[in-house]
Amino acid sequence: QTLRRMEQLTLVQRRRYAEAPPRVEYELTVAGHDLLGPIYALGEWVD
């Protein structure tokens, strides 16, 4: 559910590979990578 939502929000890109068995990977988009800044800042705050 979370990966599908993130895909809708353009935070991740889903890649399907035509293999047997099927293979799927998720990768951050530019918008997803840009969320790392606030995540790191929150980590520093919690620390």
ModelCIF file with pLDDT and N, C-alpha, C, O atoms, coordinates in Angstrom:
data_MODEL
#
_entry.id   MODEL 
#
_entity.id                         1 
_entity.type                       polymer 
_entity.pdbx_number_of_molecules   1 
#
_entity_poly.entity_id                      1 
_entity_poly.type                           'polypeptide(L)' 
_entity_poly.nstd_linkage                   no 
_entity_poly.nstd_monomer                   no 
_entity_poly.pdbx_seq_one_letter_code       QTLRRMEQLTLVQRRRYAEAPPRVEYELTVAGHDLLGPIYALGEWVD 
_entity_poly.pdbx_seq_one_letter_code_can   QTLRRMEQLTLVQRRRYAEAPPRVEYELTVAGHDLLGPIYALGEWVD 
_entity_poly.pdbx_strand_id                 A 
#
loop_
_entity_poly_seq.entity_id 
_entity_poly_seq.num 
_entity_poly_seq.mon_id 
_entity_poly_seq.hetero 
1 1  GLN n 
1 2  THR n 
1 3  LEU n 
1 4  ARG n 
1 5  ARG n 
1 6  MET n 
1 7  GLU n 
1 8  GLN n 
1 9  LEU n 
1 10 THR n 
1 11 LEU n 
1 12 VAL n 
1 13 GLN n 
1 14 ARG n 
1 15 ARG n 
1 16 ARG n 
1 17 TYR n 
1 18 ALA n 
1 19 GLU n 
1 20 ALA n 
1 21 PRO n 
1 22 PRO n 
1 23 ARG n 
1 24 VAL n 
1 25 GLU n 
1 26 TYR n 
1 27 GLU n 
1 28 LEU n 
1 29 THR n 
1 30 VAL n 
1 31 ALA n 
1 32 GLY n 
1 33 HIS n 
1 34 ASP n 
1 35 LEU n 
1 36 LEU n 
1 37 GLY n 
1 38 PRO n 
1 39 ILE n 
1 40 TYR n 
1 41 ALA n 
1 42 LEU n 
1 43 GLY n 
1 44 GLU n 
1 45 TRP n 
1 46 VAL n 
1 47 ASP n 
#
_struct_asym.id          A 
_struct_asym.entity_id   1 
#
loop_
_ma_qa_metric.id 
_ma_qa_metric.mode 
_ma_qa_metric.name 
_ma_qa_metric.software_group_id 
_ma_qa_metric.type 
1 global pLDDT . pLDDT 
2 local  pLDDT . pLDDT 
#
_ma_qa_metric_global.metric_id      1 
_ma_qa_metric_global.metric_value   94.91 
_ma_qa_metric_global.model_id       1 
_ma_qa_metric_global.ordinal_id     1 
#
loop_
_ma_qa_metric_local.label_asym_id 
_ma_qa_metric_local.label_comp_id 
_ma_qa_metric_local.label_seq_id 
_ma_qa_metric_local.metric_id 
_ma_qa_metric_local.metric_value 
_ma_qa_metric_local.model_id 
_ma_qa_metric_local.ordinal_id 
A GLN 1  2 96.00 1 1  
A THR 2  2 96.00 1 2  
A LEU 3  2 97.00 1 3  
A ARG 4  2 97.00 1 4  
A ARG 5  2 95.00 1 5  
A MET 6  2 96.00 1 6  
A GLU 7  2 97.00 1 7  
A GLN 8  2 96.00 1 8  
A LEU 9  2 94.00 1 9  
A THR 10 2 97.00 1 10 
A LEU 11 2 97.00 1 11 
A VAL 12 2 98.00 1 12 
A GLN 13 2 98.00 1 13 
A ARG 14 2 97.00 1 14 
A ARG 15 2 96.00 1 15 
A ARG 16 2 95.00 1 16 
A TYR 17 2 92.00 1 17 
A ALA 18 2 90.00 1 18 
A GLU 19 2 89.00 1 19 
A ALA 20 2 88.00 1 20 
A PRO 21 2 87.00 1 21 
A PRO 22 2 87.00 1 22 
A ARG 23 2 93.00 1 23 
A VAL 24 2 96.00 1 24 
A GLU 25 2 97.00 1 25 
A TYR 26 2 98.00 1 26 
A GLU 27 2 98.00 1 27 
A LEU 28 2 98.00 1 28 
A THR 29 2 98.00 1 29 
A VAL 30 2 98.00 1 30 
A ALA 31 2 96.00 1 31 
A GLY 32 2 97.00 1 32 
A HIS 33 2 97.00 1 33 
A ASP 34 2 96.00 1 34 
A LEU 35 2 95.00 1 35 
A LEU 36 2 96.00 1 36 
A GLY 37 2 95.00 1 37 
A PRO 38 2 93.00 1 38 
A ILE 39 2 94.00 1 39 
A TYR 40 2 95.00 1 40 
A ALA 41 2 94.00 1 41 
A LEU 42 2 92.00 1 42 
A GLY 43 2 93.00 1 43 
A GLU 44 2 95.00 1 44 
A TRP 45 2 93.00 1 45 
A VAL 46 2 94.00 1 46 
A ASP 47 2 95.00 1 47 
#
loop_
_atom_site.group_PDB 
_atom_site.id 
_atom_site.type_symbol 
_atom_site.label_atom_id 
_atom_site.label_alt_id 
_atom_site.label_comp_id 
_atom_site.label_asym_id 
_atom_site.label_entity_id 
_atom_site.label_seq_id 
_atom_site.pdbx_PDB_ins_code 
_atom_site.Cartn_x 
_atom_site.Cartn_y 
_atom_site.Cartn_z 
_atom_site.occupancy 
_atom_site.B_iso_or_equiv 
_atom_site.pdbx_formal_charge 
_atom_site.auth_seq_id 
_atom_site.auth_comp_id 
_atom_site.auth_asym_id 
_atom_site.auth_atom_id 
_atom_site.pdbx_PDB_model_num 
ATOM 1   N N  . GLN A 1 1  ? 0.826  -1.210  0.000   1.00 96.00 ? 1  GLN A N  1 
ATOM 2   C CA . GLN A 1 1  ? 0.000  0.000   0.000   1.00 96.00 ? 1  GLN A CA 1 
ATOM 3   C C  . GLN A 1 1  ? 0.860  1.260   0.000   1.00 96.00 ? 1  GLN A C  1 
ATOM 4   O O  . GLN A 1 1  ? 0.583  2.212   -0.730  1.00 96.00 ? 1  GLN A O  1 
ATOM 5   N N  . THR A 1 2  ? 1.897  1.258   0.818   1.00 96.00 ? 2  THR A N  1 
ATOM 6   C CA . THR A 1 2  ? 2.754  2.443   0.917   1.00 96.00 ? 2  THR A CA 1 
ATOM 7   C C  . THR A 1 2  ? 3.537  2.656   -0.371  1.00 96.00 ? 2  THR A C  1 
ATOM 8   O O  . THR A 1 2  ? 3.659  3.792   -0.831  1.00 96.00 ? 2  THR A O  1 
ATOM 9   N N  . LEU A 1 3  ? 4.068  1.593   -0.962  1.00 97.00 ? 3  LEU A N  1 
ATOM 10  C CA . LEU A 1 3  ? 4.797  1.731   -2.226  1.00 97.00 ? 3  LEU A CA 1 
ATOM 11  C C  . LEU A 1 3  ? 3.882  2.226   -3.346  1.00 97.00 ? 3  LEU A C  1 
ATOM 12  O O  . LEU A 1 3  ? 4.289  3.061   -4.154  1.00 97.00 ? 3  LEU A O  1 
ATOM 13  N N  . ARG A 1 4  ? 2.655  1.718   -3.399  1.00 97.00 ? 4  ARG A N  1 
ATOM 14  C CA . ARG A 1 4  ? 1.704  2.197   -4.418  1.00 97.00 ? 4  ARG A CA 1 
ATOM 15  C C  . ARG A 1 4  ? 1.397  3.674   -4.225  1.00 97.00 ? 4  ARG A C  1 
ATOM 16  O O  . ARG A 1 4  ? 1.347  4.436   -5.190  1.00 97.00 ? 4  ARG A O  1 
ATOM 17  N N  . ARG A 1 5  ? 1.192  4.074   -2.975  1.00 95.00 ? 5  ARG A N  1 
ATOM 18  C CA . ARG A 1 5  ? 0.921  5.484   -2.685  1.00 95.00 ? 5  ARG A CA 1 
ATOM 19  C C  . ARG A 1 5  ? 2.125  6.346   -3.065  1.00 95.00 ? 5  ARG A C  1 
ATOM 20  O O  . ARG A 1 5  ? 1.960  7.418   -3.648  1.00 95.00 ? 5  ARG A O  1 
ATOM 21  N N  . MET A 1 6  ? 3.314  5.892   -2.743  1.00 96.00 ? 6  MET A N  1 
ATOM 22  C CA . MET A 1 6  ? 4.522  6.635   -3.083  1.00 96.00 ? 6  MET A CA 1 
ATOM 23  C C  . MET A 1 6  ? 4.693  6.752   -4.597  1.00 96.00 ? 6  MET A C  1 
ATOM 24  O O  . MET A 1 6  ? 5.177  7.767   -5.097  1.00 96.00 ? 6  MET A O  1 
ATOM 25  N N  . GLU A 1 7  ? 4.295  5.713   -5.316  1.00 97.00 ? 7  GLU A N  1 
ATOM 26  C CA . GLU A 1 7  ? 4.348  5.755   -6.781  1.00 97.00 ? 7  GLU A CA 1 
ATOM 27  C C  . GLU A 1 7  ? 3.355  6.798   -7.305  1.00 97.00 ? 7  GLU A C  1 
ATOM 28  O O  . GLU A 1 7  ? 3.682  7.563   -8.213  1.00 97.00 ? 7  GLU A O  1 
ATOM 29  N N  . GLN A 1 8  ? 2.150  6.831   -6.737  1.00 96.00 ? 8  GLN A N  1 
ATOM 30  C CA . GLN A 1 8  ? 1.155  7.834   -7.138  1.00 96.00 ? 8  GLN A CA 1 
ATOM 31  C C  . GLN A 1 8  ? 1.657  9.246   -6.876  1.00 96.00 ? 8  GLN A C  1 
ATOM 32  O O  . GLN A 1 8  ? 1.389  10.160  -7.655  1.00 96.00 ? 8  GLN A O  1 
ATOM 33  N N  . LEU A 1 9  ? 2.384  9.424   -5.780  1.00 94.00 ? 9  LEU A N  1 
ATOM 34  C CA . LEU A 1 9  ? 2.892  10.738  -5.396  1.00 94.00 ? 9  LEU A CA 1 
ATOM 35  C C  . LEU A 1 9  ? 4.199  11.089  -6.106  1.00 94.00 ? 9  LEU A C  1 
ATOM 36  O O  . LEU A 1 9  ? 4.798  12.124  -5.815  1.00 94.00 ? 9  LEU A O  1 
ATOM 37  N N  . THR A 1 10 ? 4.642  10.250  -7.022  1.00 97.00 ? 10 THR A N  1 
ATOM 38  C CA . THR A 1 10 ? 5.880  10.409  -7.802  1.00 97.00 ? 10 THR A CA 1 
ATOM 39  C C  . THR A 1 10 ? 7.136  10.442  -6.926  1.00 97.00 ? 10 THR A C  1 
ATOM 40  O O  . THR A 1 10 ? 8.107  11.124  -7.251  1.00 97.00 ? 10 THR A O  1 
ATOM 41  N N  . LEU A 1 11 ? 7.109  9.706   -5.820  1.00 97.00 ? 11 LEU A N  1 
ATOM 42  C CA . LEU A 1 11 ? 8.273  9.622   -4.946  1.00 97.00 ? 11 LEU A CA 1 
ATOM 43  C C  . LEU A 1 11 ? 9.149  8.424   -5.282  1.00 97.00 ? 11 LEU A C  1 
ATOM 44  O O  . LEU A 1 11 ? 10.357 8.443   -5.043  1.00 97.00 ? 11 LEU A O  1 
ATOM 45  N N  . VAL A 1 12 ? 8.533  7.378   -5.839  1.00 98.00 ? 12 VAL A N  1 
ATOM 46  C CA . VAL A 1 12 ? 9.282  6.205   -6.278  1.00 98.00 ? 12 VAL A CA 1 
ATOM 47  C C  . VAL A 1 12 ? 8.859  5.838   -7.686  1.00 98.00 ? 12 VAL A C  1 
ATOM 48  O O  . VAL A 1 12 ? 7.761  6.164   -8.139  1.00 98.00 ? 12 VAL A O  1 
ATOM 49  N N  . GLN A 1 13 ? 9.769  5.146   -8.365  1.00 98.00 ? 13 GLN A N  1 
ATOM 50  C CA . GLN A 1 13 ? 9.472  4.602   -9.687  1.00 98.00 ? 13 GLN A CA 1 
ATOM 51  C C  . GLN A 1 13 ? 9.514  3.088   -9.560  1.00 98.00 ? 13 GLN A C  1 
ATOM 52  O O  . GLN A 1 13 ? 10.449 2.524   -8.991  1.00 98.00 ? 13 GLN A O  1 
ATOM 53  N N  . ARG A 1 14 ? 8.498  2.446   -10.093 1.00 97.00 ? 14 ARG A N  1 
ATOM 54  C CA . ARG A 1 14 ? 8.411  0.984   -10.080 1.00 97.00 ? 14 ARG A CA 1 
ATOM 55  C C  . ARG A 1 14 ? 8.913  0.472   -11.418 1.00 97.00 ? 14 ARG A C  1 
ATOM 56  O O  . ARG A 1 14 ? 8.471  0.926   -12.474 1.00 97.00 ? 14 ARG A O  1 
ATOM 57  N N  . ARG A 1 15 ? 9.835  -0.475  -11.367 1.00 96.00 ? 15 ARG A N  1 
ATOM 58  C CA . ARG A 1 15 ? 10.369 -1.072  -12.594 1.00 96.00 ? 15 ARG A CA 1 
ATOM 59  C C  . ARG A 1 15 ? 10.046 -2.554  -12.600 1.00 96.00 ? 15 ARG A C  1 
ATOM 60  O O  . ARG A 1 15 ? 10.373 -3.286  -11.666 1.00 96.00 ? 15 ARG A O  1 
ATOM 61  N N  . ARG A 1 16 ? 9.399  -2.976  -13.671 1.00 95.00 ? 16 ARG A N  1 
ATOM 62  C CA . ARG A 1 16 ? 9.100  -4.400  -13.873 1.00 95.00 ? 16 ARG A CA 1 
ATOM 63  C C  . ARG A 1 16 ? 10.035 -4.940  -14.926 1.00 95.00 ? 16 ARG A C  1 
ATOM 64  O O  . ARG A 1 16 ? 10.260 -4.312  -15.961 1.00 95.00 ? 16 ARG A O  1 
ATOM 65  N N  . TYR A 1 17 ? 10.571 -6.099  -14.657 1.00 92.00 ? 17 TYR A N  1 
ATOM 66  C CA . TYR A 1 17 ? 11.470 -6.747  -15.598 1.00 92.00 ? 17 TYR A CA 1 
ATOM 67  C C  . TYR A 1 17 ? 10.774 -7.967  -16.179 1.00 92.00 ? 17 TYR A C  1 
ATOM 68  O O  . TYR A 1 17 ? 10.129 -8.730  -15.460 1.00 92.00 ? 17 TYR A O  1 
ATOM 69  N N  . ALA A 1 18 ? 10.911 -8.140  -17.480 1.00 90.00 ? 18 ALA A N  1 
ATOM 70  C CA . ALA A 1 18 ? 10.287 -9.273  -18.176 1.00 90.00 ? 18 ALA A CA 1 
ATOM 71  C C  . ALA A 1 18 ? 11.154 -10.507 -17.986 1.00 90.00 ? 18 ALA A C  1 
ATOM 72  O O  . ALA A 1 18 ? 11.914 -10.904 -18.869 1.00 90.00 ? 18 ALA A O  1 
ATOM 73  N N  . GLU A 1 19 ? 11.018 -11.093 -16.821 1.00 89.00 ? 19 GLU A N  1 
ATOM 74  C CA . GLU A 1 19 ? 11.786 -12.281 -16.472 1.00 89.00 ? 19 GLU A CA 1 
ATOM 75  C C  . GLU A 1 19 ? 10.835 -13.318 -15.901 1.00 89.00 ? 19 GLU A C  1 
ATOM 76  O O  . GLU A 1 19 ? 9.695  -13.008 -15.555 1.00 89.00 ? 19 GLU A O  1 
ATOM 77  N N  . ALA A 1 20 ? 11.308 -14.538 -15.808 1.00 88.00 ? 20 ALA A N  1 
ATOM 78  C CA . ALA A 1 20 ? 10.533 -15.574 -15.142 1.00 88.00 ? 20 ALA A CA 1 
ATOM 79  C C  . ALA A 1 20 ? 11.380 -16.090 -13.984 1.00 88.00 ? 20 ALA A C  1 
ATOM 80  O O  . ALA A 1 20 ? 12.459 -16.629 -14.231 1.00 88.00 ? 20 ALA A O  1 
ATOM 81  N N  . PRO A 1 21 ? 10.954 -15.953 -12.755 1.00 87.00 ? 21 PRO A N  1 
ATOM 82  C CA . PRO A 1 21 ? 9.728  -15.282 -12.314 1.00 87.00 ? 21 PRO A CA 1 
ATOM 83  C C  . PRO A 1 21 ? 9.854  -13.765 -12.466 1.00 87.00 ? 21 PRO A C  1 
ATOM 84  O O  . PRO A 1 21 ? 10.962 -13.234 -12.545 1.00 87.00 ? 21 PRO A O  1 
ATOM 85  N N  . PRO A 1 22 ? 8.709  -13.069 -12.507 1.00 87.00 ? 22 PRO A N  1 
ATOM 86  C CA . PRO A 1 22 ? 8.736  -11.614 -12.673 1.00 87.00 ? 22 PRO A CA 1 
ATOM 87  C C  . PRO A 1 22 ? 9.518  -10.941 -11.537 1.00 87.00 ? 22 PRO A C  1 
ATOM 88  O O  . PRO A 1 22 ? 9.492  -11.386 -10.389 1.00 87.00 ? 22 PRO A O  1 
ATOM 89  N N  . ARG A 1 23 ? 10.203 -9.870  -11.890 1.00 93.00 ? 23 ARG A N  1 
ATOM 90  C CA . ARG A 1 23 ? 10.985 -9.124  -10.900 1.00 93.00 ? 23 ARG A CA 1 
ATOM 91  C C  . ARG A 1 23 ? 10.542 -7.667  -10.931 1.00 93.00 ? 23 ARG A C  1 
ATOM 92  O O  . ARG A 1 23 ? 10.360 -7.079  -11.997 1.00 93.00 ? 23 ARG A O  1 
ATOM 93  N N  . VAL A 1 24 ? 10.375 -7.097  -9.743  1.00 96.00 ? 24 VAL A N  1 
ATOM 94  C CA . VAL A 1 24 ? 9.973  -5.698  -9.596  1.00 96.00 ? 24 VAL A CA 1 
ATOM 95  C C  . VAL A 1 24 ? 10.963 -5.027  -8.649  1.00 96.00 ? 24 VAL A C  1 
ATOM 96  O O  . VAL A 1 24 ? 11.364 -5.610  -7.642  1.00 96.00 ? 24 VAL A O  1 
ATOM 97  N N  . GLU A 1 25 ? 11.350 -3.804  -8.979  1.00 97.00 ? 25 GLU A N  1 
ATOM 98  C CA . GLU A 1 25 ? 12.205 -2.998  -8.106  1.00 97.00 ? 25 GLU A CA 1 
ATOM 99  C C  . GLU A 1 25 ? 11.604 -1.614  -7.960  1.00 97.00 ? 25 GLU A C  1 
ATOM 100 O O  . GLU A 1 25 ? 10.910 -1.119  -8.848  1.00 97.00 ? 25 GLU A O  1 
ATOM 101 N N  . TYR A 1 26 ? 11.885 -1.007  -6.830  1.00 98.00 ? 26 TYR A N  1 
ATOM 102 C CA . TYR A 1 26 ? 11.461 0.370   -6.574  1.00 98.00 ? 26 TYR A CA 1 
ATOM 103 C C  . TYR A 1 26 ? 12.700 1.222   -6.370  1.00 98.00 ? 26 TYR A C  1 
ATOM 104 O O  . TYR A 1 26 ? 13.665 0.815   -5.723  1.00 98.00 ? 26 TYR A O  1 
ATOM 105 N N  . GLU A 1 27 ? 12.644 2.426   -6.944  1.00 98.00 ? 27 GLU A N  1 
ATOM 106 C CA . GLU A 1 27 ? 13.763 3.358   -6.858  1.00 98.00 ? 27 GLU A CA 1 
ATOM 107 C C  . GLU A 1 27 ? 13.213 4.752   -6.592  1.00 98.00 ? 27 GLU A C  1 
ATOM 108 O O  . GLU A 1 27 ? 12.146 5.108   -7.091  1.00 98.00 ? 27 GLU A O  1 
ATOM 109 N N  . LEU A 1 28 ? 13.936 5.535   -5.810  1.00 98.00 ? 28 LEU A N  1 
ATOM 110 C CA . LEU A 1 28 ? 13.510 6.907   -5.542  1.00 98.00 ? 28 LEU A CA 1 
ATOM 111 C C  . LEU A 1 28 ? 13.588 7.760   -6.804  1.00 98.00 ? 28 LEU A C  1 
ATOM 112 O O  . LEU A 1 28 ? 14.514 7.626   -7.605  1.00 98.00 ? 28 LEU A O  1 
ATOM 113 N N  . THR A 1 29 ? 12.608 8.632   -6.965  1.00 98.00 ? 29 THR A N  1 
ATOM 114 C CA . THR A 1 29 ? 12.664 9.651   -8.004  1.00 98.00 ? 29 THR A CA 1 
ATOM 115 C C  . THR A 1 29 ? 13.429 10.847  -7.438  1.00 98.00 ? 29 THR A C  1 
ATOM 116 O O  . THR A 1 29 ? 13.886 10.810  -6.296  1.00 98.00 ? 29 THR A O  1 
ATOM 117 N N  . VAL A 1 30 ? 13.565 11.892  -8.225  1.00 98.00 ? 30 VAL A N  1 
ATOM 118 C CA . VAL A 1 30 ? 14.215 13.120  -7.725  1.00 98.00 ? 30 VAL A CA 1 
ATOM 119 C C  . VAL A 1 30 ? 13.430 13.653  -6.527  1.00 98.00 ? 30 VAL A C  1 
ATOM 120 O O  . VAL A 1 30 ? 14.024 14.056  -5.527  1.00 98.00 ? 30 VAL A O  1 
ATOM 121 N N  . ALA A 1 31 ? 12.102 13.657  -6.621  1.00 96.00 ? 31 ALA A N  1 
ATOM 122 C CA . ALA A 1 31 ? 11.281 14.139  -5.503  1.00 96.00 ? 31 ALA A CA 1 
ATOM 123 C C  . ALA A 1 31 ? 11.491 13.270  -4.268  1.00 96.00 ? 31 ALA A C  1 
ATOM 124 O O  . ALA A 1 31 ? 11.545 13.785  -3.152  1.00 96.00 ? 31 ALA A O  1 
ATOM 125 N N  . GLY A 1 32 ? 11.610 11.973  -4.455  1.00 97.00 ? 32 GLY A N  1 
ATOM 126 C CA . GLY A 1 32 ? 11.864 11.075  -3.328  1.00 97.00 ? 32 GLY A CA 1 
ATOM 127 C C  . GLY A 1 32 ? 13.214 11.336  -2.692  1.00 97.00 ? 32 GLY A C  1 
ATOM 128 O O  . GLY A 1 32 ? 13.335 11.371  -1.467  1.00 97.00 ? 32 GLY A O  1 
ATOM 129 N N  . HIS A 1 33 ? 14.248 11.520  -3.537  1.00 97.00 ? 33 HIS A N  1 
ATOM 130 C CA . HIS A 1 33 ? 15.585 11.839  -3.013  1.00 97.00 ? 33 HIS A CA 1 
ATOM 131 C C  . HIS A 1 33 ? 15.565 13.143  -2.226  1.00 97.00 ? 33 HIS A C  1 
ATOM 132 O O  . HIS A 1 33 ? 16.248 13.274  -1.210  1.00 97.00 ? 33 HIS A O  1 
ATOM 133 N N  . ASP A 1 34 ? 14.777 14.107  -2.700  1.00 96.00 ? 34 ASP A N  1 
ATOM 134 C CA . ASP A 1 34 ? 14.716 15.397  -2.009  1.00 96.00 ? 34 ASP A CA 1 
ATOM 135 C C  . ASP A 1 34 ? 14.100 15.291  -0.619  1.00 96.00 ? 34 ASP A C  1 
ATOM 136 O O  . ASP A 1 34 ? 14.305 16.178  0.210   1.00 96.00 ? 34 ASP A O  1 
ATOM 137 N N  . LEU A 1 35 ? 13.350 14.228  -0.345  1.00 95.00 ? 35 LEU A N  1 
ATOM 138 C CA . LEU A 1 35 ? 12.800 14.020  1.001   1.00 95.00 ? 35 LEU A CA 1 
ATOM 139 C C  . LEU A 1 35 ? 13.873 13.574  1.996   1.00 95.00 ? 35 LEU A C  1 
ATOM 140 O O  . LEU A 1 35 ? 13.658 13.642  3.206   1.00 95.00 ? 35 LEU A O  1 
ATOM 141 N N  . LEU A 1 36 ? 15.008 13.125  1.505   1.00 96.00 ? 36 LEU A N  1 
ATOM 142 C CA . LEU A 1 36 ? 16.063 12.685  2.417   1.00 96.00 ? 36 LEU A CA 1 
ATOM 143 C C  . LEU A 1 36 ? 16.570 13.833  3.290   1.00 96.00 ? 36 LEU A C  1 
ATOM 144 O O  . LEU A 1 36 ? 16.948 13.609  4.440   1.00 96.00 ? 36 LEU A O  1 
ATOM 145 N N  . GLY A 1 37 ? 16.584 15.051  2.764   1.00 95.00 ? 37 GLY A N  1 
ATOM 146 C CA . GLY A 1 37 ? 17.027 16.207  3.559   1.00 95.00 ? 37 GLY A CA 1 
ATOM 147 C C  . GLY A 1 37 ? 16.222 16.364  4.837   1.00 95.00 ? 37 GLY A C  1 
ATOM 148 O O  . GLY A 1 37 ? 16.803 16.396  5.922   1.00 95.00 ? 37 GLY A O  1 
ATOM 149 N N  . PRO A 1 38 ? 14.879 16.463  4.739   1.00 93.00 ? 38 PRO A N  1 
ATOM 150 C CA . PRO A 1 38 ? 14.081 16.561  5.967   1.00 93.00 ? 38 PRO A CA 1 
ATOM 151 C C  . PRO A 1 38 ? 14.194 15.323  6.857   1.00 93.00 ? 38 PRO A C  1 
ATOM 152 O O  . PRO A 1 38 ? 14.127 15.438  8.081   1.00 93.00 ? 38 PRO A O  1 
ATOM 153 N N  . ILE A 1 39 ? 14.363 14.146  6.261   1.00 94.00 ? 39 ILE A N  1 
ATOM 154 C CA . ILE A 1 39 ? 14.502 12.924  7.065   1.00 94.00 ? 39 ILE A CA 1 
ATOM 155 C C  . ILE A 1 39 ? 15.798 12.985  7.873   1.00 94.00 ? 39 ILE A C  1 
ATOM 156 O O  . ILE A 1 39 ? 15.800 12.661  9.061   1.00 94.00 ? 39 ILE A O  1 
ATOM 157 N N  . TYR A 1 40 ? 16.895 13.395  7.243   1.00 95.00 ? 40 TYR A N  1 
ATOM 158 C CA . TYR A 1 40 ? 18.153 13.538  7.974   1.00 95.00 ? 40 TYR A CA 1 
ATOM 159 C C  . TYR A 1 40 ? 18.031 14.608  9.063   1.00 95.00 ? 40 TYR A C  1 
ATOM 160 O O  . TYR A 1 40 ? 18.545 14.432  10.168  1.00 95.00 ? 40 TYR A O  1 
ATOM 161 N N  . ALA A 1 41 ? 17.356 15.708  8.755   1.00 94.00 ? 41 ALA A N  1 
ATOM 162 C CA . ALA A 1 41 ? 17.178 16.774  9.749   1.00 94.00 ? 41 ALA A CA 1 
ATOM 163 C C  . ALA A 1 41 ? 16.377 16.268  10.948  1.00 94.00 ? 41 ALA A C  1 
ATOM 164 O O  . ALA A 1 41 ? 16.712 16.586  12.089  1.00 94.00 ? 41 ALA A O  1 
ATOM 165 N N  . LEU A 1 42 ? 15.333 15.490  10.706  1.00 92.00 ? 42 LEU A N  1 
ATOM 166 C CA . LEU A 1 42 ? 14.570 14.917  11.815  1.00 92.00 ? 42 LEU A CA 1 
ATOM 167 C C  . LEU A 1 42 ? 15.425 13.951  12.628  1.00 92.00 ? 42 LEU A C  1 
ATOM 168 O O  . LEU A 1 42 ? 15.326 13.907  13.854  1.00 92.00 ? 42 LEU A O  1 
ATOM 169 N N  . GLY A 1 43 ? 16.260 13.182  11.944  1.00 93.00 ? 43 GLY A N  1 
ATOM 170 C CA . GLY A 1 43 ? 17.170 12.287  12.660  1.00 93.00 ? 43 GLY A CA 1 
ATOM 171 C C  . GLY A 1 43 ? 18.103 13.043  13.579  1.00 93.00 ? 43 GLY A C  1 
ATOM 172 O O  . GLY A 1 43 ? 18.340 12.615  14.709  1.00 93.00 ? 43 GLY A O  1 
ATOM 173 N N  . GLU A 1 44 ? 18.640 14.164  13.114  1.00 95.00 ? 44 GLU A N  1 
ATOM 174 C CA . GLU A 1 44 ? 19.506 14.995  13.953  1.00 95.00 ? 44 GLU A CA 1 
ATOM 175 C C  . GLU A 1 44 ? 18.740 15.550  15.138  1.00 95.00 ? 44 GLU A C  1 
ATOM 176 O O  . GLU A 1 44 ? 19.260 15.594  16.253  1.00 95.00 ? 44 GLU A O  1 
ATOM 177 N N  . TRP A 1 45 ? 17.499 15.977  14.900  1.00 93.00 ? 45 TRP A N  1 
ATOM 178 C CA . TRP A 1 45 ? 16.675 16.510  15.981  1.00 93.00 ? 45 TRP A CA 1 
ATOM 179 C C  . TRP A 1 45 ? 16.418 15.441  17.040  1.00 93.00 ? 45 TRP A C  1 
ATOM 180 O O  . TRP A 1 45 ? 16.531 15.707  18.237  1.00 93.00 ? 45 TRP A O  1 
ATOM 181 N N  . VAL A 1 46 ? 16.070 14.229  16.598  1.00 94.00 ? 46 VAL A N  1 
ATOM 182 C CA . VAL A 1 46 ? 15.805 13.133  17.537  1.00 94.00 ? 46 VAL A CA 1 
ATOM 183 C C  . VAL A 1 46 ? 17.074 12.779  18.304  1.00 94.00 ? 46 VAL A C  1 
ATOM 184 O O  . VAL A 1 46 ? 17.017 12.516  19.505  1.00 94.00 ? 46 VAL A O  1 
ATOM 185 N N  . ASP A 1 47 ? 18.209 12.771  17.628  1.00 95.00 ? 47 ASP A N  1 
ATOM 186 C CA . ASP A 1 47 ? 19.469 12.484  18.304  1.00 95.00 ? 47 ASP A CA 1 
ATOM 187 C C  . ASP A 1 47 ? 19.735 13.504  19.403  1.00 95.00 ? 47 ASP A C  1 
ATOM 188 O O  . ASP A 1 47 ? 20.756 13.424  20.086  1.00 95.00 ? 47 ASP A O  1 
#
